[in-house]
Amino acid sequence: MHYTRRDFGRLAAALVPLAHTGLAAAADTWPARPIRLLVGYSPGGAVDVIARVLAQHLSAALGQSVVVDNRPGAGTNIAMRTVIDSAPDGYTLMLVANAAAANPSLFHPQPFDPVRDLTAIALVGRVPVVIAANAQSEVSSLTRLLALSKVKPGSVQFASPGNGSTPHLAVELFERAAGIQLTHVPYKGGQQALNDVIGGQLPLVAVNALEALPHIQSGKLRALAVLSPRRTPILPDTPTIAESGFPGFEASVWYGLVGPAKLPAPIVTRLYGEVEKALAAPDVKERLAQGGGETTPGPRDAFPKFLAAETARYARLIQDAHIRLD
C-alpha cells in the first residue's frame, strides 16, 4: 500500500486533537508521581534554600514528593535546557533567578528564549545584592576599594555566583561608573564563592544578602554596600550603593517558578495557587526576611509579564554596557 504526502498530512492532523486530549486527561490526574524541581546552582546557595522551602510546601499540598535536583553549570543553562526539553506534563519544574532573563543576551548563540520556551508560573521573592569583603582584608570600605583599584587596576579580585549572575552584572556596571577595574572570579554558586572569600583566597564577594548575612553577623565578612534602594533592616549600618555616590545601581536577585512551554493550564493554575499559599506561610516569609528579602505574591499574569520585561531590560543593559562572557 502506498501513501501520499497528503495522506500523512491528514493523519498528522487527526492525531493533534488526540494529543491534546491526552494532555488534558493527564492534567486531570496530576500529580500522580513525584515532581522534580530543578535548581541551576550548587546545594547550599540561596536558590537551593528557597527551592527546598518551596518544595516542602508543595509536597504537602500536592500529595506527592517534590524533589530538588541541583544541576549547576553553564550559568544555569544546563538545568534550563533540561526543563525546556522535558515533557509539558508538570513533572519537571525549575526555580529560576535573574539568569533566566539575562542569559539569552549574555550567551551566543542564544541558548533559549524564556518567553517562547518556558511557562512562567509564579514569582516567589526577591533579595538585595550585597558587596562584602573578608573581615581581615585591607578592603575595609567602598572608598578603600576605589582607592586600591585606581592605584593598581585589576589588583582586587571579586567572587560571584557565576558569569552573568545578577551580582556579577551589578559589579561590572559599578566598575564602569566608578572608573575602576576589578578581576572577576566566577563560581558555580554563591556558597562556593563565599567559602573562598571567608577562607582568604579572595578579598571580595558580590552575592545576595540571604547568603551573605550569616557570615556578616558572625564577623567573617564585612559588608561594604547593599544594592537596594533603601538601607535594609538586617544591615542598618551598611550604606546603600546610592549613598556611596553611585545612584542607579540598585540590584536584587529574584526567584520564580517555571515549567516547559505549553504546560497545561489546569496544572499551571494549580501550581500558581499552591505557590501563592506557600508565600503566605510564616516560615517562607521569615526565611526571605532573614536575608533582607521579601515574598512577592501577585496575580496570575504578573510573572509572565515580569519575565518578559526583565528579559528586555537585561538585553538593553548588556548591550549598552558591552558586557561579554569570556
C-alpha atoms as a PDB file:
ATOM      1  CA  MET A   1       0.000   0.000   0.000  1.00  0.00           C
ATOM      2  CA  HIS A   2       1.297   3.402  -0.978  1.00  0.00           C
ATOM      3  CA  TYR A   3       0.710   6.606   0.997  1.00  0.00           C
ATOM      4  CA  THR A   4       0.879  10.094  -0.404  1.00  0.00           C
ATOM      5  CA  ARG A   5       2.139  13.192   1.367  1.00  0.00           C
ATOM      6  CA  ARG A   6      -1.486  14.285   1.643  1.00  0.00           C
ATOM      7  CA  ASP A   7      -2.333  11.034   3.481  1.00  0.00           C
ATOM      8  CA  PHE A   8       0.407  11.684   6.051  1.00  0.00           C
ATOM      9  CA  GLY A   9      -0.814  15.259   6.448  1.00  0.00           C
ATOM     10  CA  ARG A  10      -4.339  14.051   7.185  1.00  0.00           C
ATOM     11  CA  LEU A  11      -3.004  11.513   9.676  1.00  0.00           C
ATOM     12  CA  ALA A  12      -0.964  14.141  11.483  1.00  0.00           C
ATOM     13  CA  ALA A  13      -3.963  16.475  11.638  1.00  0.00           C
ATOM     14  CA  ALA A  14      -6.091  13.678  13.076  1.00  0.00           C
ATOM     15  CA  LEU A  15      -3.525  12.985  15.798  1.00  0.00           C
ATOM     16  CA  VAL A  16      -3.366  16.601  17.050  1.00  0.00           C
ATOM     17  CA  PRO A  17      -6.705  16.530  18.925  1.00  0.00           C
ATOM     18  CA  LEU A  18      -5.780  13.126  20.344  1.00  0.00           C
ATOM     19  CA  ALA A  19      -2.557  14.595  21.721  1.00  0.00           C
ATOM     20  CA  HIS A  20      -4.459  17.468  23.306  1.00  0.00           C
ATOM     21  CA  THR A  21      -6.979  15.027  24.746  1.00  0.00           C
ATOM     22  CA  GLY A  22      -4.123  13.023  26.264  1.00  0.00           C
ATOM     23  CA  LEU A  23      -2.621  16.129  27.866  1.00  0.00           C
ATOM     24  CA  ALA A  24      -5.995  17.166  29.250  1.00  0.00           C
ATOM     25  CA  ALA A  25      -6.563  13.722  30.746  1.00  0.00           C
ATOM     26  CA  ALA A  26      -3.090  13.733  32.285  1.00  0.00           C
ATOM     27  CA  ALA A  27      -3.730  17.180  33.756  1.00  0.00           C
ATOM     28  CA  ASP A  28      -6.923  15.902  35.397  1.00  0.00           C
ATOM     29  CA  THR A  29      -4.996  13.242  37.330  1.00  0.00           C
ATOM     30  CA  TRP A  30      -1.881  15.345  38.008  1.00  0.00           C
ATOM     31  CA  PRO A  31       0.195  14.790  40.058  1.00  0.00           C
ATOM     32  CA  ALA A  32       0.313  11.007  40.013  1.00  0.00           C
ATOM     33  CA  ARG A  33       4.046  10.650  40.749  1.00  0.00           C
ATOM     34  CA  PRO A  34       6.931  12.655  42.291  1.00  0.00           C
ATOM     35  CA  ILE A  35       7.811  16.046  40.795  1.00  0.00           C
ATOM     36  CA  ARG A  36      11.349  17.186  40.035  1.00  0.00           C
ATOM     37  CA  LEU A  37      12.291  20.769  40.923  1.00  0.00           C
ATOM     38  CA  LEU A  38      15.486  21.762  39.114  1.00  0.00           C
ATOM     39  CA  VAL A  39      17.973  24.269  40.540  1.00  0.00           C
ATOM     40  CA  GLY A  40      20.802  25.558  38.337  1.00  0.00           C
ATOM     41  CA  TYR A  41      23.133  26.127  41.296  1.00  0.00           C
ATOM     42  CA  SER A  42      25.040  24.026  43.818  1.00  0.00           C
ATOM     43  CA  PRO A  43      23.407  22.949  47.111  1.00  0.00           C
ATOM     44  CA  GLY A  44      23.540  25.449  49.958  1.00  0.00           C
ATOM     45  CA  GLY A  45      23.043  28.623  47.943  1.00  0.00           C
ATOM     46  CA  ALA A  46      20.059  30.949  48.152  1.00  0.00           C
ATOM     47  CA  VAL A  47      18.161  29.485  45.182  1.00  0.00           C
ATOM     48  CA  ASP A  48      18.665  25.995  46.622  1.00  0.00           C
ATOM     49  CA  VAL A  49      17.465  27.108  50.066  1.00  0.00           C
ATOM     50  CA  ILE A  50      14.326  28.766  48.692  1.00  0.00           C
ATOM     51  CA  ALA A  51      13.669  25.767  46.417  1.00  0.00           C
ATOM     52  CA  ARG A  52      13.759  23.377  49.380  1.00  0.00           C
ATOM     53  CA  VAL A  53      11.409  25.521  51.453  1.00  0.00           C
ATOM     54  CA  LEU A  54       9.024  25.770  48.494  1.00  0.00           C
ATOM     55  CA  ALA A  55       9.328  22.035  47.729  1.00  0.00           C
ATOM     56  CA  GLN A  56       8.316  21.181  51.287  1.00  0.00           C
ATOM     57  CA  HIS A  57       5.130  23.229  50.999  1.00  0.00           C
ATOM     58  CA  LEU A  58       4.287  21.914  47.531  1.00  0.00           C
ATOM     59  CA  SER A  59       4.839  18.292  48.606  1.00  0.00           C
ATOM     60  CA  ALA A  60       2.342  18.668  51.442  1.00  0.00           C
ATOM     61  CA  ALA A  61      -0.199  20.477  49.265  1.00  0.00           C
ATOM     62  CA  LEU A  62       0.015  18.208  46.198  1.00  0.00           C
ATOM     63  CA  GLY A  63       0.304  14.875  47.984  1.00  0.00           C
ATOM     64  CA  GLN A  64       3.443  13.919  46.015  1.00  0.00           C
ATOM     65  CA  SER A  65       7.137  14.352  46.750  1.00  0.00           C
ATOM     66  CA  VAL A  66       8.742  17.405  45.176  1.00  0.00           C
ATOM     67  CA  VAL A  67      12.433  16.540  44.859  1.00  0.00           C
ATOM     68  CA  VAL A  68      15.057  19.267  44.422  1.00  0.00           C
ATOM     69  CA  ASP A  69      17.552  18.372  41.676  1.00  0.00           C
ATOM     70  CA  ASN A  70      20.720  20.528  41.657  1.00  0.00           C
ATOM     71  CA  ARG A  71      22.310  20.845  38.197  1.00  0.00           C
ATOM     72  CA  PRO A  72      24.880  23.645  38.277  1.00  0.00           C
ATOM     73  CA  GLY A  73      26.923  24.691  35.268  1.00  0.00           C
ATOM     74  CA  ALA A  74      26.985  26.965  32.215  1.00  0.00           C
ATOM     75  CA  GLY A  75      25.387  29.811  34.140  1.00  0.00           C
ATOM     76  CA  THR A  76      22.273  27.633  34.838  1.00  0.00           C
ATOM     77  CA  ASN A  77      21.885  26.809  31.120  1.00  0.00           C
ATOM     78  CA  ILE A  78      22.334  23.069  31.781  1.00  0.00           C
ATOM     79  CA  ALA A  79      19.371  22.956  34.138  1.00  0.00           C
ATOM     80  CA  MET A  80      17.415  25.305  31.896  1.00  0.00           C
ATOM     81  CA  ARG A  81      17.896  23.075  28.862  1.00  0.00           C
ATOM     82  CA  THR A  82      16.701  20.095  30.906  1.00  0.00           C
ATOM     83  CA  VAL A  83      13.416  21.768  31.805  1.00  0.00           C
ATOM     84  CA  ILE A  84      12.901  23.154  28.278  1.00  0.00           C
ATOM     85  CA  ASP A  85      13.403  19.710  26.739  1.00  0.00           C
ATOM     86  CA  SER A  86      11.145  17.957  29.251  1.00  0.00           C
ATOM     87  CA  ALA A  87       7.569  16.912  28.528  1.00  0.00           C
ATOM     88  CA  PRO A  88       4.999  19.608  29.411  1.00  0.00           C
ATOM     89  CA  ASP A  89       3.304  17.366  31.959  1.00  0.00           C
ATOM     90  CA  GLY A  90       4.039  19.180  35.220  1.00  0.00           C
ATOM     91  CA  TYR A  91       6.621  16.703  36.492  1.00  0.00           C
ATOM     92  CA  THR A  92       9.704  18.806  35.674  1.00  0.00           C
ATOM     93  CA  LEU A  93       9.815  22.341  37.052  1.00  0.00           C
ATOM     94  CA  MET A  94      12.595  24.797  37.850  1.00  0.00           C
ATOM     95  CA  LEU A  95      13.171  27.563  40.353  1.00  0.00           C
ATOM     96  CA  VAL A  96      14.952  30.247  38.345  1.00  0.00           C
ATOM     97  CA  ALA A  97      16.628  33.534  39.183  1.00  0.00           C
ATOM     98  CA  ASN A  98      17.731  36.526  37.095  1.00  0.00           C
ATOM     99  CA  ALA A  99      19.876  34.350  34.825  1.00  0.00           C
ATOM    100  CA  ALA A 100      16.673  33.178  33.139  1.00  0.00           C
ATOM    101  CA  ALA A 101      16.266  36.721  31.791  1.00  0.00           C
ATOM    102  CA  ALA A 102      19.949  37.627  31.336  1.00  0.00           C
ATOM    103  CA  ASN A 103      21.395  34.520  29.661  1.00  0.00           C
ATOM    104  CA  PRO A 104      19.628  34.962  26.309  1.00  0.00           C
ATOM    105  CA  SER A 105      21.670  38.162  25.824  1.00  0.00           C
ATOM    106  CA  LEU A 106      24.867  37.004  27.519  1.00  0.00           C
ATOM    107  CA  PHE A 107      25.440  33.790  25.588  1.00  0.00           C
ATOM    108  CA  HIS A 108      25.996  33.471  21.851  1.00  0.00           C
ATOM    109  CA  PRO A 109      24.311  31.812  20.137  1.00  0.00           C
ATOM    110  CA  GLN A 110      21.237  32.477  22.229  1.00  0.00           C
ATOM    111  CA  PRO A 111      20.702  29.363  24.394  1.00  0.00           C
ATOM    112  CA  PHE A 112      16.942  29.832  24.808  1.00  0.00           C
ATOM    113  CA  ASP A 113      14.092  32.318  24.688  1.00  0.00           C
ATOM    114  CA  PRO A 114      12.369  32.443  28.093  1.00  0.00           C
ATOM    115  CA  VAL A 115       9.117  33.833  26.686  1.00  0.00           C
ATOM    116  CA  ARG A 116       8.916  31.177  23.961  1.00  0.00           C
ATOM    117  CA  ASP A 117      10.482  28.178  25.724  1.00  0.00           C
ATOM    118  CA  LEU A 118       9.110  28.456  29.269  1.00  0.00           C
ATOM    119  CA  THR A 119       5.833  28.671  31.120  1.00  0.00           C
ATOM    120  CA  ALA A 120       6.215  31.333  33.813  1.00  0.00           C
ATOM    121  CA  ILE A 121       4.136  30.111  36.757  1.00  0.00           C
ATOM    122  CA  ALA A 122       4.725  32.354  39.777  1.00  0.00           C
ATOM    123  CA  LEU A 123       7.152  34.932  41.112  1.00  0.00           C
ATOM    124  CA  VAL A 124       8.375  33.831  44.548  1.00  0.00           C
ATOM    125  CA  GLY A 125      10.506  36.609  46.049  1.00  0.00           C
ATOM    126  CA  ARG A 126      13.450  38.982  45.802  1.00  0.00           C
ATOM    127  CA  VAL A 127      16.595  39.675  47.852  1.00  0.00           C
ATOM    128  CA  PRO A 128      19.071  42.595  47.511  1.00  0.00           C
ATOM    129  CA  VAL A 129      22.681  42.112  46.409  1.00  0.00           C
ATOM    130  CA  VAL A 130      25.450  42.957  48.871  1.00  0.00           C
ATOM    131  CA  ILE A 131      29.144  43.636  48.272  1.00  0.00           C
ATOM    132  CA  ALA A 132      31.219  42.238  51.156  1.00  0.00           C
ATOM    133  CA  ALA A 133      34.885  41.710  51.970  1.00  0.00           C
ATOM    134  CA  ASN A 134      36.833  39.210  54.032  1.00  0.00           C
ATOM    135  CA  ALA A 135      36.939  40.676  57.549  1.00  0.00           C
ATOM    136  CA  GLN A 136      40.751  40.602  57.538  1.00  0.00           C
ATOM    137  CA  SER A 137      41.084  42.121  54.074  1.00  0.00           C
ATOM    138  CA  GLU A 138      42.533  45.582  53.538  1.00  0.00           C
ATOM    139  CA  VAL A 139      39.347  46.370  51.600  1.00  0.00           C
ATOM    140  CA  SER A 140      37.684  47.923  54.648  1.00  0.00           C
ATOM    141  CA  SER A 141      35.163  50.133  52.827  1.00  0.00           C
ATOM    142  CA  LEU A 142      33.896  51.021  49.383  1.00  0.00           C
ATOM    143  CA  THR A 143      36.126  54.114  49.475  1.00  0.00           C
ATOM    144  CA  ARG A 144      39.147  51.918  50.190  1.00  0.00           C
ATOM    145  CA  LEU A 145      38.151  49.593  47.336  1.00  0.00           C
ATOM    146  CA  LEU A 146      38.078  52.523  44.932  1.00  0.00           C
ATOM    147  CA  ALA A 147      41.481  53.757  46.105  1.00  0.00           C
ATOM    148  CA  LEU A 148      43.177  50.357  45.794  1.00  0.00           C
ATOM    149  CA  SER A 149      41.704  49.703  42.364  1.00  0.00           C
ATOM    150  CA  LYS A 150      42.724  53.072  40.966  1.00  0.00           C
ATOM    151  CA  VAL A 151      46.315  52.717  42.166  1.00  0.00           C
ATOM    152  CA  LYS A 152      46.630  49.262  40.611  1.00  0.00           C
ATOM    153  CA  PRO A 153      43.788  48.361  38.194  1.00  0.00           C
ATOM    154  CA  GLY A 154      42.774  44.708  38.292  1.00  0.00           C
ATOM    155  CA  SER A 155      44.623  44.019  41.539  1.00  0.00           C
ATOM    156  CA  VAL A 156      41.442  43.391  43.559  1.00  0.00           C
ATOM    157  CA  GLN A 157      39.584  40.170  42.799  1.00  0.00           C
ATOM    158  CA  PHE A 158      35.900  39.649  43.487  1.00  0.00           C
ATOM    159  CA  ALA A 159      33.965  36.401  43.577  1.00  0.00           C
ATOM    160  CA  SER A 160      30.412  35.979  42.307  1.00  0.00           C
ATOM    161  CA  PRO A 161      27.909  33.100  41.965  1.00  0.00           C
ATOM    162  CA  GLY A 162      28.799  32.848  38.279  1.00  0.00           C
ATOM    163  CA  ASN A 163      29.247  34.525  34.914  1.00  0.00           C
ATOM    164  CA  GLY A 164      26.167  36.549  34.097  1.00  0.00           C
ATOM    165  CA  SER A 165      24.701  36.305  37.590  1.00  0.00           C
ATOM    166  CA  THR A 166      22.991  39.416  38.945  1.00  0.00           C
ATOM    167  CA  PRO A 167      25.853  40.175  41.384  1.00  0.00           C
ATOM    168  CA  HIS A 168      28.379  39.828  38.543  1.00  0.00           C
ATOM    169  CA  LEU A 169      26.476  42.194  36.249  1.00  0.00           C
ATOM    170  CA  ALA A 170      25.902  44.687  39.070  1.00  0.00           C
ATOM    171  CA  VAL A 171      29.623  44.903  39.848  1.00  0.00           C
ATOM    172  CA  GLU A 172      30.501  45.140  36.146  1.00  0.00           C
ATOM    173  CA  LEU A 173      28.278  48.206  35.847  1.00  0.00           C
ATOM    174  CA  PHE A 174      29.628  49.646  39.095  1.00  0.00           C
ATOM    175  CA  GLU A 175      33.194  49.297  37.754  1.00  0.00           C
ATOM    176  CA  ARG A 176      32.305  51.319  34.671  1.00  0.00           C
ATOM    177  CA  ALA A 177      30.578  54.021  36.686  1.00  0.00           C
ATOM    178  CA  ALA A 178      33.449  54.275  39.176  1.00  0.00           C
ATOM    179  CA  GLY A 179      36.178  54.128  36.542  1.00  0.00           C
ATOM    180  CA  ILE A 180      37.900  51.149  38.151  1.00  0.00           C
ATOM    181  CA  GLN A 181      38.907  47.674  37.063  1.00  0.00           C
ATOM    182  CA  LEU A 182      38.372  44.593  39.242  1.00  0.00           C
ATOM    183  CA  THR A 183      39.155  40.974  38.387  1.00  0.00           C
ATOM    184  CA  HIS A 184      36.108  38.725  38.302  1.00  0.00           C
ATOM    185  CA  VAL A 185      36.346  35.139  39.587  1.00  0.00           C
ATOM    186  CA  PRO A 186      33.105  33.251  38.804  1.00  0.00           C
ATOM    187  CA  TYR A 187      31.883  30.254  40.828  1.00  0.00           C
ATOM    188  CA  LYS A 188      29.078  27.744  40.354  1.00  0.00           C
ATOM    189  CA  GLY A 189      27.007  29.205  43.166  1.00  0.00           C
ATOM    190  CA  GLY A 190      27.073  31.747  45.944  1.00  0.00           C
ATOM    191  CA  GLN A 191      28.090  29.356  48.704  1.00  0.00           C
ATOM    192  CA  GLN A 192      31.292  28.312  46.936  1.00  0.00           C
ATOM    193  CA  ALA A 193      32.169  31.958  46.305  1.00  0.00           C
ATOM    194  CA  LEU A 194      31.563  32.809  49.959  1.00  0.00           C
ATOM    195  CA  ASN A 195      33.687  29.900  51.176  1.00  0.00           C
ATOM    196  CA  ASP A 196      36.761  31.101  49.293  1.00  0.00           C
ATOM    197  CA  VAL A 197      36.354  34.711  50.406  1.00  0.00           C
ATOM    198  CA  ILE A 198      35.883  33.654  54.018  1.00  0.00           C
ATOM    199  CA  GLY A 199      38.930  31.396  53.651  1.00  0.00           C
ATOM    200  CA  GLY A 200      41.033  34.323  52.423  1.00  0.00           C
ATOM    201  CA  GLN A 201      41.630  33.107  48.860  1.00  0.00           C
ATOM    202  CA  LEU A 202      39.849  36.223  47.551  1.00  0.00           C
ATOM    203  CA  PRO A 203      39.208  39.574  49.248  1.00  0.00           C
ATOM    204  CA  LEU A 204      35.773  40.461  47.891  1.00  0.00           C
ATOM    205  CA  VAL A 205      32.421  38.885  47.045  1.00  0.00           C
ATOM    206  CA  ALA A 206      29.213  40.089  45.422  1.00  0.00           C
ATOM    207  CA  VAL A 207      26.301  37.895  46.399  1.00  0.00           C
ATOM    208  CA  ASN A 208      22.708  38.152  47.555  1.00  0.00           C
ATOM    209  CA  ALA A 209      22.072  39.177  51.146  1.00  0.00           C
ATOM    210  CA  LEU A 210      20.342  35.901  52.025  1.00  0.00           C
ATOM    211  CA  GLU A 211      23.616  34.006  51.571  1.00  0.00           C
ATOM    212  CA  ALA A 212      25.956  36.651  52.971  1.00  0.00           C
ATOM    213  CA  LEU A 213      24.070  37.626  56.136  1.00  0.00           C
ATOM    214  CA  PRO A 214      25.090  34.737  58.446  1.00  0.00           C
ATOM    215  CA  HIS A 215      28.773  35.357  57.667  1.00  0.00           C
ATOM    216  CA  ILE A 216      28.417  39.108  58.164  1.00  0.00           C
ATOM    217  CA  GLN A 217      26.720  38.521  61.512  1.00  0.00           C
ATOM    218  CA  SER A 218      29.455  36.093  62.584  1.00  0.00           C
ATOM    219  CA  GLY A 219      32.162  38.642  61.747  1.00  0.00           C
ATOM    220  CA  LYS A 220      33.745  36.606  58.947  1.00  0.00           C
ATOM    221  CA  LEU A 221      32.662  39.136  56.318  1.00  0.00           C
ATOM    222  CA  ARG A 222      32.439  42.928  56.316  1.00  0.00           C
ATOM    223  CA  ALA A 223      29.530  44.424  54.358  1.00  0.00           C
ATOM    224  CA  LEU A 224      30.668  47.346  52.185  1.00  0.00           C
ATOM    225  CA  ALA A 225      27.391  48.260  50.456  1.00  0.00           C
ATOM    226  CA  VAL A 226      23.905  46.936  49.771  1.00  0.00           C
ATOM    227  CA  LEU A 227      22.468  47.390  46.302  1.00  0.00           C
ATOM    228  CA  SER A 228      18.919  48.098  47.441  1.00  0.00           C
ATOM    229  CA  PRO A 229      17.060  51.413  47.058  1.00  0.00           C
ATOM    230  CA  ARG A 230      16.943  51.811  50.848  1.00  0.00           C
ATOM    231  CA  ARG A 231      19.018  50.506  53.726  1.00  0.00           C
ATOM    232  CA  THR A 232      17.936  47.049  54.763  1.00  0.00           C
ATOM    233  CA  PRO A 233      16.796  46.490  58.372  1.00  0.00           C
ATOM    234  CA  ILE A 234      19.086  43.477  58.702  1.00  0.00           C
ATOM    235  CA  LEU A 235      22.177  45.594  57.898  1.00  0.00           C
ATOM    236  CA  PRO A 236      21.172  49.047  59.182  1.00  0.00           C
ATOM    237  CA  ASP A 237      24.760  50.338  59.364  1.00  0.00           C
ATOM    238  CA  THR A 238      25.667  49.353  55.817  1.00  0.00           C
ATOM    239  CA  PRO A 239      25.262  52.172  53.262  1.00  0.00           C
ATOM    240  CA  THR A 240      23.413  51.678  50.014  1.00  0.00           C
ATOM    241  CA  ILE A 241      25.328  51.955  46.771  1.00  0.00           C
ATOM    242  CA  ALA A 242      23.498  55.242  46.106  1.00  0.00           C
ATOM    243  CA  GLU A 243      24.623  56.676  49.460  1.00  0.00           C
ATOM    244  CA  SER A 244      28.160  55.765  48.481  1.00  0.00           C
ATOM    245  CA  GLY A 245      27.918  58.064  45.483  1.00  0.00           C
ATOM    246  CA  PHE A 246      26.616  55.719  42.783  1.00  0.00           C
ATOM    247  CA  PRO A 247      22.850  56.044  42.367  1.00  0.00           C
ATOM    248  CA  GLY A 248      21.065  53.943  39.789  1.00  0.00           C
ATOM    249  CA  PHE A 249      22.899  50.685  40.506  1.00  0.00           C
ATOM    250  CA  GLU A 250      20.296  49.054  42.687  1.00  0.00           C
ATOM    251  CA  ALA A 251      20.168  45.298  42.098  1.00  0.00           C
ATOM    252  CA  SER A 252      18.207  42.445  43.583  1.00  0.00           C
ATOM    253  CA  VAL A 253      18.020  38.719  42.962  1.00  0.00           C
ATOM    254  CA  TRP A 254      14.527  37.439  42.226  1.00  0.00           C
ATOM    255  CA  TYR A 255      13.190  33.894  42.209  1.00  0.00           C
ATOM    256  CA  GLY A 256      10.386  32.387  40.145  1.00  0.00           C
ATOM    257  CA  LEU A 257       8.847  29.009  39.336  1.00  0.00           C
ATOM    258  CA  VAL A 258       8.768  27.915  35.688  1.00  0.00           C
ATOM    259  CA  GLY A 259       7.995  24.838  33.626  1.00  0.00           C
ATOM    260  CA  PRO A 260       8.466  23.931  29.963  1.00  0.00           C
ATOM    261  CA  ALA A 261       6.433  25.704  27.293  1.00  0.00           C
ATOM    262  CA  LYS A 262       2.834  24.588  26.704  1.00  0.00           C
ATOM    263  CA  LEU A 263       2.274  23.417  30.262  1.00  0.00           C
ATOM    264  CA  PRO A 264      -1.464  22.627  30.512  1.00  0.00           C
ATOM    265  CA  ALA A 265      -3.500  25.457  32.007  1.00  0.00           C
ATOM    266  CA  PRO A 266      -5.054  23.343  34.813  1.00  0.00           C
ATOM    267  CA  ILE A 267      -1.568  22.382  36.053  1.00  0.00           C
ATOM    268  CA  VAL A 268      -0.351  25.978  35.858  1.00  0.00           C
ATOM    269  CA  THR A 269      -3.393  27.207  37.763  1.00  0.00           C
ATOM    270  CA  ARG A 270      -2.941  24.569  40.471  1.00  0.00           C
ATOM    271  CA  LEU A 271       0.767  25.283  40.877  1.00  0.00           C
ATOM    272  CA  TYR A 272       0.227  29.028  40.940  1.00  0.00           C
ATOM    273  CA  GLY A 273      -2.401  28.681  43.645  1.00  0.00           C
ATOM    274  CA  GLU A 274      -0.223  26.448  45.817  1.00  0.00           C
ATOM    275  CA  VAL A 275       2.792  28.766  45.444  1.00  0.00           C
ATOM    276  CA  GLU A 276       0.647  31.740  46.499  1.00  0.00           C
ATOM    277  CA  LYS A 277      -0.438  29.801  49.595  1.00  0.00           C
ATOM    278  CA  ALA A 278       3.199  28.963  50.370  1.00  0.00           C
ATOM    279  CA  LEU A 279       4.180  32.642  50.080  1.00  0.00           C
ATOM    280  CA  ALA A 280       1.650  33.428  52.814  1.00  0.00           C
ATOM    281  CA  ALA A 281       3.214  30.862  55.170  1.00  0.00           C
ATOM    282  CA  PRO A 282       5.169  32.391  58.093  1.00  0.00           C
ATOM    283  CA  ASP A 283       8.259  30.212  57.592  1.00  0.00           C
ATOM    284  CA  VAL A 284       8.626  31.217  53.929  1.00  0.00           C
ATOM    285  CA  LYS A 285       8.244  34.908  54.754  1.00  0.00           C
ATOM    286  CA  GLU A 286      10.694  34.578  57.635  1.00  0.00           C
ATOM    287  CA  ARG A 287      13.284  32.729  55.541  1.00  0.00           C
ATOM    288  CA  LEU A 288      13.398  35.532  52.984  1.00  0.00           C
ATOM    289  CA  ALA A 289      13.170  38.274  55.615  1.00  0.00           C
ATOM    290  CA  GLN A 290      16.235  36.844  57.376  1.00  0.00           C
ATOM    291  CA  GLY A 291      18.214  37.818  54.300  1.00  0.00           C
ATOM    292  CA  GLY A 292      16.593  41.215  53.810  1.00  0.00           C
ATOM    293  CA  GLY A 293      14.237  39.874  51.171  1.00  0.00           C
ATOM    294  CA  GLU A 294      10.510  39.633  50.702  1.00  0.00           C
ATOM    295  CA  THR A 295       7.954  37.321  49.165  1.00  0.00           C
ATOM    296  CA  THR A 296       6.264  38.671  46.040  1.00  0.00           C
ATOM    297  CA  PRO A 297       2.731  37.332  45.683  1.00  0.00           C
ATOM    298  CA  GLY A 298       0.711  38.703  42.789  1.00  0.00           C
ATOM    299  CA  PRO A 299      -1.927  37.939  40.132  1.00  0.00           C
ATOM    300  CA  ARG A 300      -1.529  35.002  37.755  1.00  0.00           C
ATOM    301  CA  ASP A 301      -0.251  37.137  34.873  1.00  0.00           C
ATOM    302  CA  ALA A 302       2.323  39.026  36.983  1.00  0.00           C
ATOM    303  CA  PHE A 303       5.281  36.683  36.491  1.00  0.00           C
ATOM    304  CA  PRO A 304       4.908  36.179  32.697  1.00  0.00           C
ATOM    305  CA  LYS A 305       4.840  39.970  32.267  1.00  0.00           C
ATOM    306  CA  PHE A 306       7.727  40.446  34.689  1.00  0.00           C
ATOM    307  CA  LEU A 307       9.901  37.802  32.989  1.00  0.00           C
ATOM    308  CA  ALA A 308       9.311  39.371  29.563  1.00  0.00           C
ATOM    309  CA  ALA A 309      10.133  42.844  30.910  1.00  0.00           C
ATOM    310  CA  GLU A 310      13.281  41.625  32.689  1.00  0.00           C
ATOM    311  CA  THR A 311      14.469  39.844  29.541  1.00  0.00           C
ATOM    312  CA  ALA A 312      14.122  43.085  27.559  1.00  0.00           C
ATOM    313  CA  ARG A 313      15.783  45.117  30.349  1.00  0.00           C
ATOM    314  CA  TYR A 314      18.800  42.819  30.517  1.00  0.00           C
ATOM    315  CA  ALA A 315      19.143  42.882  26.740  1.00  0.00           C
ATOM    316  CA  ARG A 316      19.427  46.695  26.826  1.00  0.00           C
ATOM    317  CA  LEU A 317      21.711  46.682  29.868  1.00  0.00           C
ATOM    318  CA  ILE A 318      24.122  44.114  28.449  1.00  0.00           C
ATOM    319  CA  GLN A 319      24.253  45.802  25.058  1.00  0.00           C
ATOM    320  CA  ASP A 320      24.735  49.318  26.474  1.00  0.00           C
ATOM    321  CA  ALA A 321      27.460  48.188  28.892  1.00  0.00           C
ATOM    322  CA  HIS A 322      29.159  45.964  26.264  1.00  0.00           C
ATOM    323  CA  ILE A 323      29.216  43.059  28.709  1.00  0.00           C
ATOM    324  CA  ARG A 324      30.578  39.821  27.270  1.00  0.00           C
ATOM    325  CA  LEU A 325      31.375  36.494  28.875  1.00  0.00           C
ATOM    326  CA  ASP A 326      34.990  35.467  28.485  1.00  0.00           C
END
